[in-house]
Protein backbone atom coordinates (compact mmCIF):
# COMPACT_ATOMS: atom_id res chain seq x y z
CA MET A 1 29.19 -18.37 -36.35
CA ASP A 2 29.51 -21.55 -34.28
CA ILE A 3 32.11 -19.86 -32.08
CA ALA A 4 29.72 -16.96 -31.42
CA ILE A 5 26.91 -19.38 -30.55
CA ARG A 6 29.13 -21.35 -28.18
CA HIS A 7 30.32 -18.12 -26.58
CA ALA A 8 26.72 -16.95 -26.09
CA ARG A 9 25.71 -20.28 -24.54
CA ARG A 10 28.76 -20.23 -22.25
CA GLU A 11 27.83 -16.72 -21.15
CA GLN A 12 24.23 -17.79 -20.47
CA GLY A 13 25.47 -20.74 -18.43
CA THR A 14 27.71 -18.47 -16.40
CA MET A 15 24.81 -16.09 -15.72
CA LEU A 16 22.63 -19.01 -14.58
CA LEU A 17 25.33 -20.15 -12.19
CA LEU A 18 25.60 -16.66 -10.77
CA LEU A 19 21.83 -16.46 -10.40
CA ALA A 20 21.51 -19.93 -8.88
CA PRO A 21 21.85 -18.84 -5.19
CA ALA A 22 19.25 -16.12 -5.65
CA LEU A 23 16.91 -18.52 -7.48
CA VAL A 24 17.25 -21.05 -4.66
CA VAL A 25 16.39 -18.39 -2.07
CA VAL A 26 13.33 -17.28 -4.09
CA ALA A 27 12.20 -20.89 -4.51
CA VAL A 28 12.59 -21.70 -0.80
CA LEU A 29 11.11 -18.48 0.59
CA LEU A 30 8.44 -17.74 -2.03
CA VAL A 31 7.59 -20.55 -4.43
CA LEU A 32 7.45 -23.40 -1.91
CA PRO A 33 5.33 -21.50 0.68
CA LEU A 34 2.97 -20.35 -2.08
CA GLY A 35 2.67 -23.92 -3.35
CA TRP A 36 1.94 -25.08 0.20
CA LEU A 37 -0.82 -22.46 0.50
CA VAL A 38 -2.38 -23.60 -2.76
CA TRP A 39 -2.32 -27.22 -1.58
CA GLN A 40 -3.80 -26.38 1.82
CA SER A 41 -6.60 -24.36 0.25
CA PHE A 42 -7.79 -27.42 -1.67
CA TRP A 43 -7.34 -29.94 1.16
CA ASN A 44 -9.74 -30.91 3.94
CA ASP A 45 -9.33 -34.63 4.64
CA GLY A 46 -9.12 -34.91 0.87
CA LEU A 47 -9.25 -32.67 -2.17
CA THR A 48 -12.16 -30.26 -1.88
CA LEU A 49 -13.47 -26.84 -2.89
CA GLU A 50 -15.15 -26.39 0.49
CA HIS A 51 -12.95 -23.50 1.58
CA TYR A 52 -13.64 -21.54 -1.60
CA ARG A 53 -17.35 -22.38 -1.46
CA ARG A 54 -17.45 -20.96 2.06
CA ILE A 55 -15.82 -17.73 0.89
CA ALA A 56 -18.36 -17.42 -1.92
CA THR A 57 -21.43 -18.14 0.23
CA ASP A 58 -20.63 -16.92 3.76
CA PRO A 59 -21.76 -13.28 4.22
CA ALA A 60 -19.04 -12.74 6.83
CA TYR A 61 -16.34 -13.16 4.20
CA TRP A 62 -18.10 -10.83 1.79
CA THR A 63 -18.48 -8.24 4.55
CA SER A 64 -14.79 -8.47 5.39
CA PHE A 65 -13.67 -8.16 1.76
CA THR A 66 -16.05 -5.23 1.19
CA LEU A 67 -14.77 -3.47 4.31
CA THR A 68 -11.15 -4.09 3.32
CA PHE A 69 -11.60 -2.64 -0.16
CA ARG A 70 -13.64 0.31 1.12
CA ILE A 71 -10.98 1.23 3.69
CA SER A 72 -8.25 0.75 1.08
CA PHE A 73 -10.02 3.08 -1.35
CA LEU A 74 -10.56 5.73 1.34
CA VAL A 75 -6.98 5.49 2.61
CA THR A 76 -5.60 5.71 -0.93
CA GLY A 77 -7.75 8.73 -1.78
CA LEU A 78 -6.81 10.57 1.40
CA ALA A 79 -3.13 9.72 0.96
CA LEU A 80 -3.26 11.15 -2.57
CA LEU A 81 -5.04 14.33 -1.43
CA LEU A 82 -2.48 14.86 1.34
CA GLY A 83 0.59 13.54 -0.44
CA TYR A 84 0.35 15.42 -3.73
CA PRO A 85 0.58 18.91 -2.17
CA VAL A 86 3.46 17.76 0.05
CA ALA A 87 5.42 16.38 -2.92
CA TYR A 88 4.65 19.50 -4.98
CA ALA A 89 5.74 21.79 -2.15
CA ALA A 90 8.97 19.85 -1.70
CA LEU A 91 9.63 20.28 -5.42
CA LYS A 92 9.12 24.04 -5.34
CA LEU A 93 10.95 24.77 -2.09
CA PRO A 94 14.67 25.62 -1.93
CA PRO A 95 16.88 22.52 -1.67
CA PHE A 96 17.44 22.85 2.09
CA TRP A 97 13.75 23.07 2.92
CA ALA A 98 12.89 20.40 0.37
CA ASN A 99 15.27 18.05 2.19
CA VAL A 100 13.63 19.00 5.49
CA VAL A 101 10.17 18.14 4.12
CA LEU A 102 11.36 14.81 2.72
CA ALA A 103 13.14 14.00 5.98
CA LEU A 104 9.89 14.59 7.87
CA VAL A 105 8.09 12.34 5.38
CA VAL A 106 10.47 9.41 5.88
CA LEU A 107 10.95 10.01 9.62
CA PRO A 108 8.12 7.59 10.57
CA PHE A 109 10.10 4.77 8.91
CA TRP A 110 12.52 4.99 11.84
CA THR A 111 9.86 3.54 14.17
CA SER A 112 7.94 0.31 13.79
CA VAL A 113 4.34 0.12 12.63
CA LEU A 114 3.37 -1.26 16.04
CA VAL A 115 4.80 1.75 17.87
CA ARG A 116 3.05 4.16 15.50
CA ALA A 117 -0.26 2.32 15.92
CA TYR A 118 0.01 2.54 19.71
CA ALA A 119 0.90 6.23 19.43
CA TRP A 120 -2.27 6.87 17.47
CA LEU A 121 -4.22 4.85 20.03
CA ILE A 122 -2.93 7.16 22.76
CA LEU A 123 -3.93 10.19 20.70
CA LEU A 124 -7.39 9.05 19.60
CA GLN A 125 -8.90 7.11 22.48
CA ARG A 126 -11.68 8.62 24.63
CA THR A 127 -9.18 9.72 27.28
CA GLY A 128 -6.50 10.48 24.70
CA LEU A 129 -4.66 13.71 24.05
CA ILE A 130 -6.98 14.92 21.27
CA ASN A 131 -10.17 14.48 23.28
CA GLU A 132 -8.55 15.98 26.37
CA ALA A 133 -7.38 19.00 24.39
CA LEU A 134 -10.77 19.56 22.77
CA ALA A 135 -12.53 19.20 26.12
CA GLY A 136 -10.05 21.61 27.74
CA LEU A 137 -10.82 24.19 25.04
CA GLY A 138 -14.53 23.75 25.63
CA LEU A 139 -15.17 22.54 22.08
CA ILE A 140 -16.80 19.25 23.09
CA ASP A 141 -18.91 18.06 26.03
CA GLN A 142 -18.47 14.33 25.40
CA PRO A 143 -15.37 12.52 24.11
CA LEU A 144 -15.39 11.88 20.38
CA GLU A 145 -15.34 8.29 19.14
CA LEU A 146 -12.04 8.49 17.30
CA ALA A 147 -10.61 5.08 18.16
CA TYR A 148 -11.77 1.46 18.15
CA ASN A 149 -13.70 2.04 14.93
CA GLU A 150 -13.25 2.50 11.19
CA LEU A 151 -12.38 6.20 11.54
CA GLY A 152 -9.42 5.55 13.80
CA THR A 153 -8.21 2.77 11.53
CA ILE A 154 -8.31 5.07 8.50
CA ILE A 155 -6.52 7.94 10.27
CA ALA A 156 -3.65 5.76 11.50
CA THR A 157 -3.35 3.87 8.21
CA VAL A 158 -3.16 7.09 6.18
CA HIS A 159 -0.35 8.33 8.40
CA ILE A 160 1.61 5.08 8.07
CA LEU A 161 1.19 4.75 4.29
CA LEU A 162 1.54 8.44 3.36
CA PRO A 163 5.31 8.17 2.60
CA PHE A 164 4.57 5.48 0.00
CA MET A 165 2.49 8.08 -1.82
CA VAL A 166 4.77 11.09 -1.41
CA LEU A 167 8.05 9.49 -2.49
CA PRO A 168 6.90 8.15 -5.91
CA LEU A 169 5.14 11.45 -6.58
CA TYR A 170 8.24 13.47 -5.75
CA ALA A 171 10.47 11.20 -7.83
CA THR A 172 8.19 11.65 -10.84
CA MET A 173 7.79 15.40 -10.37
CA GLN A 174 11.56 15.85 -10.29
CA LYS A 175 11.79 14.40 -13.80
CA ILE A 176 9.27 16.85 -15.31
CA PRO A 177 11.24 19.36 -17.43
CA GLY A 178 10.83 22.85 -16.06
CA ASP A 179 11.03 24.22 -19.60
CA LEU A 180 7.58 22.79 -20.35
CA VAL A 181 6.00 24.68 -17.47
CA GLN A 182 7.80 27.86 -18.48
CA ALA A 183 6.68 27.40 -22.08
CA GLY A 184 3.06 27.09 -20.96
CA ALA A 185 3.39 30.28 -18.92
CA SER A 186 5.06 32.14 -21.80
CA LEU A 187 2.11 31.25 -24.04
CA GLY A 188 -0.23 33.11 -21.72
CA GLY A 189 -1.38 30.32 -19.44
CA THR A 190 -2.22 31.17 -15.85
CA PRO A 191 -0.37 29.20 -13.13
CA LEU A 192 -3.50 27.15 -12.46
CA HIS A 193 -4.07 26.50 -16.16
CA VAL A 194 -0.43 25.46 -16.70
CA PHE A 195 -0.56 23.17 -13.68
CA TRP A 196 -3.81 21.56 -14.84
CA ARG A 197 -2.89 21.15 -18.51
CA VAL A 198 0.88 20.55 -18.31
CA PHE A 199 2.21 19.59 -14.88
CA LEU A 200 -0.61 17.35 -13.62
CA PRO A 201 -0.74 15.09 -16.73
CA LEU A 202 3.04 14.68 -16.65
CA SER A 203 2.89 13.69 -12.97
CA MET A 204 0.30 10.96 -13.55
CA PRO A 205 2.88 8.12 -13.59
CA GLY A 206 3.77 9.07 -10.01
CA VAL A 207 0.09 9.31 -9.10
CA ILE A 208 -0.57 5.84 -10.46
CA ALA A 209 2.56 4.38 -8.85
CA GLY A 210 1.77 5.83 -5.43
CA THR A 211 -1.89 4.90 -5.67
CA VAL A 212 -1.17 1.28 -6.55
CA LEU A 213 1.45 0.94 -3.82
CA VAL A 214 -0.72 2.45 -1.08
CA PHE A 215 -3.83 0.53 -2.12
CA ILE A 216 -2.10 -2.85 -2.24
CA LEU A 217 -0.25 -2.30 1.02
CA CYS A 218 -3.51 -1.30 2.70
CA LEU A 219 -5.24 -4.47 1.51
CA GLY A 220 -2.89 -6.56 3.65
CA PHE A 221 -2.71 -4.34 6.72
CA TYR A 222 -3.08 -6.20 10.02
CA ILE A 223 -1.59 -4.50 13.09
CA THR A 224 -3.23 -1.10 12.61
CA PRO A 225 -6.85 -2.31 12.15
CA GLU A 226 -6.34 -4.85 14.94
CA LEU A 227 -5.37 -2.14 17.43
CA LEU A 228 -7.31 0.90 16.21
CA GLY A 229 -10.35 -1.11 15.16
CA GLY A 230 -10.84 -2.66 18.58
CA GLY A 231 -12.20 -5.88 17.07
CA ARG A 232 -14.93 -4.00 15.18
CA VAL A 233 -12.98 -3.52 11.96
CA LEU A 234 -12.47 -7.04 10.60
CA MET A 235 -10.27 -6.81 7.54
CA VAL A 236 -9.21 -9.77 5.40
CA SER A 237 -5.80 -10.07 7.07
CA MET A 238 -7.54 -10.48 10.42
CA ILE A 239 -9.78 -13.20 8.96
CA VAL A 240 -6.63 -15.09 7.97
CA SER A 241 -5.14 -14.60 11.43
CA ARG A 242 -8.27 -15.79 13.25
CA ASN A 243 -8.62 -18.87 11.05
CA VAL A 244 -5.09 -19.90 12.00
CA GLU A 245 -4.83 -18.77 15.63
CA LEU A 246 -8.35 -19.44 16.92
CA TYR A 247 -9.69 -22.24 14.74
CA ALA A 248 -6.50 -23.88 13.38
CA GLU A 249 -8.18 -23.82 9.96
CA TRP A 250 -5.09 -23.65 7.76
CA GLY A 251 -7.09 -24.55 4.65
CA ALA A 252 -9.61 -21.76 5.16
CA ALA A 253 -6.83 -19.26 5.93
CA SER A 254 -4.92 -20.35 2.82
CA ALA A 255 -7.99 -19.96 0.62
CA VAL A 256 -8.67 -16.43 1.91
CA ALA A 257 -5.03 -15.48 1.45
CA LEU A 258 -5.00 -16.78 -2.13
CA VAL A 259 -8.20 -14.93 -3.01
CA LEU A 260 -6.63 -11.71 -1.68
CA LEU A 261 -3.43 -12.52 -3.61
CA ALA A 262 -5.50 -12.99 -6.77
CA CYS A 263 -7.14 -9.58 -6.20
CA VAL A 264 -3.71 -7.98 -5.83
CA GLY A 265 -2.52 -9.72 -9.00
CA LEU A 266 -5.50 -8.42 -10.93
CA LEU A 267 -4.84 -4.90 -9.65
CA PHE A 268 -1.21 -5.11 -10.75
CA PHE A 269 -2.31 -6.42 -14.15
CA ALA A 270 -4.82 -3.60 -14.58
CA ALA A 271 -2.25 -1.02 -13.49
CA SER A 272 0.32 -2.47 -15.90
CA ARG A 273 -2.07 -1.70 -18.76
CA LEU A 274 -1.74 1.98 -17.85
CA ILE A 275 1.90 2.14 -16.77
CA SER A 276 4.77 -0.35 -16.71
CA LEU A 277 5.43 -2.27 -13.51
CA GLU A 278 8.96 -0.85 -13.46
CA ARG A 279 7.52 2.64 -13.07
CA ILE A 280 5.00 1.46 -10.49
CA LEU A 281 7.70 -0.10 -8.34
CA GLY A 282 10.36 2.52 -8.95
CA ALA A 283 8.49 5.56 -10.27
CA ARG A 284 10.94 5.78 -13.16
């Protein structure tokens, strides 16, 4: 018995030694910066709650948080409406065409977010390709306001985050046994009825995983609302940036960042009550 205990302890010690480099990297790159943010958020020539009081009482902060969550909800909903049919089509298509669809989904990953944001700016601005095409077809007399507002921000953000919705959905759909769908059809169910009662409930882990990923990523978006919003769409990430770059208010920026981090943590906690974090992160 003692030999087994000593062997188990020796094995644990070996595992800790192997993990030590990774733990050091995590501590240096994650724990220490997070601790510094916490300290800065409570410091202003002394310990204070001034930064958090400002967040709670200043309407500008409330407006920014409300706008951020509203855009995140809209982007997530649109990504789900667009992404679910794409994932379902890729599942039903022959393997070659399914690979083509998935390749088109991940193709935007080959270019940076900044390049994609500028591409959408070229498409959506008043003299952009979309307005020029609509005017050339005689469909509009005046250019549409598609850029430098909330609409342009939502359009570009949906495009950028859509793969994060499609890929978890497709991974989950692939694991749904086809025999269950066939059994529902053999019992007299119509294709719509079988989809609604069998396939859709079984695909919910992918729906939840994609929804959580897209929503949380959208909460911290910066480049896209900065460019497509034209300074009119002030999301939380931009509040953090302005506090640091314009006002050198590291404490205020840290407090805003920690409040947003707390919101993300609560969302992950709520989602983990419905589905394990392993399935959220890996759609397993």
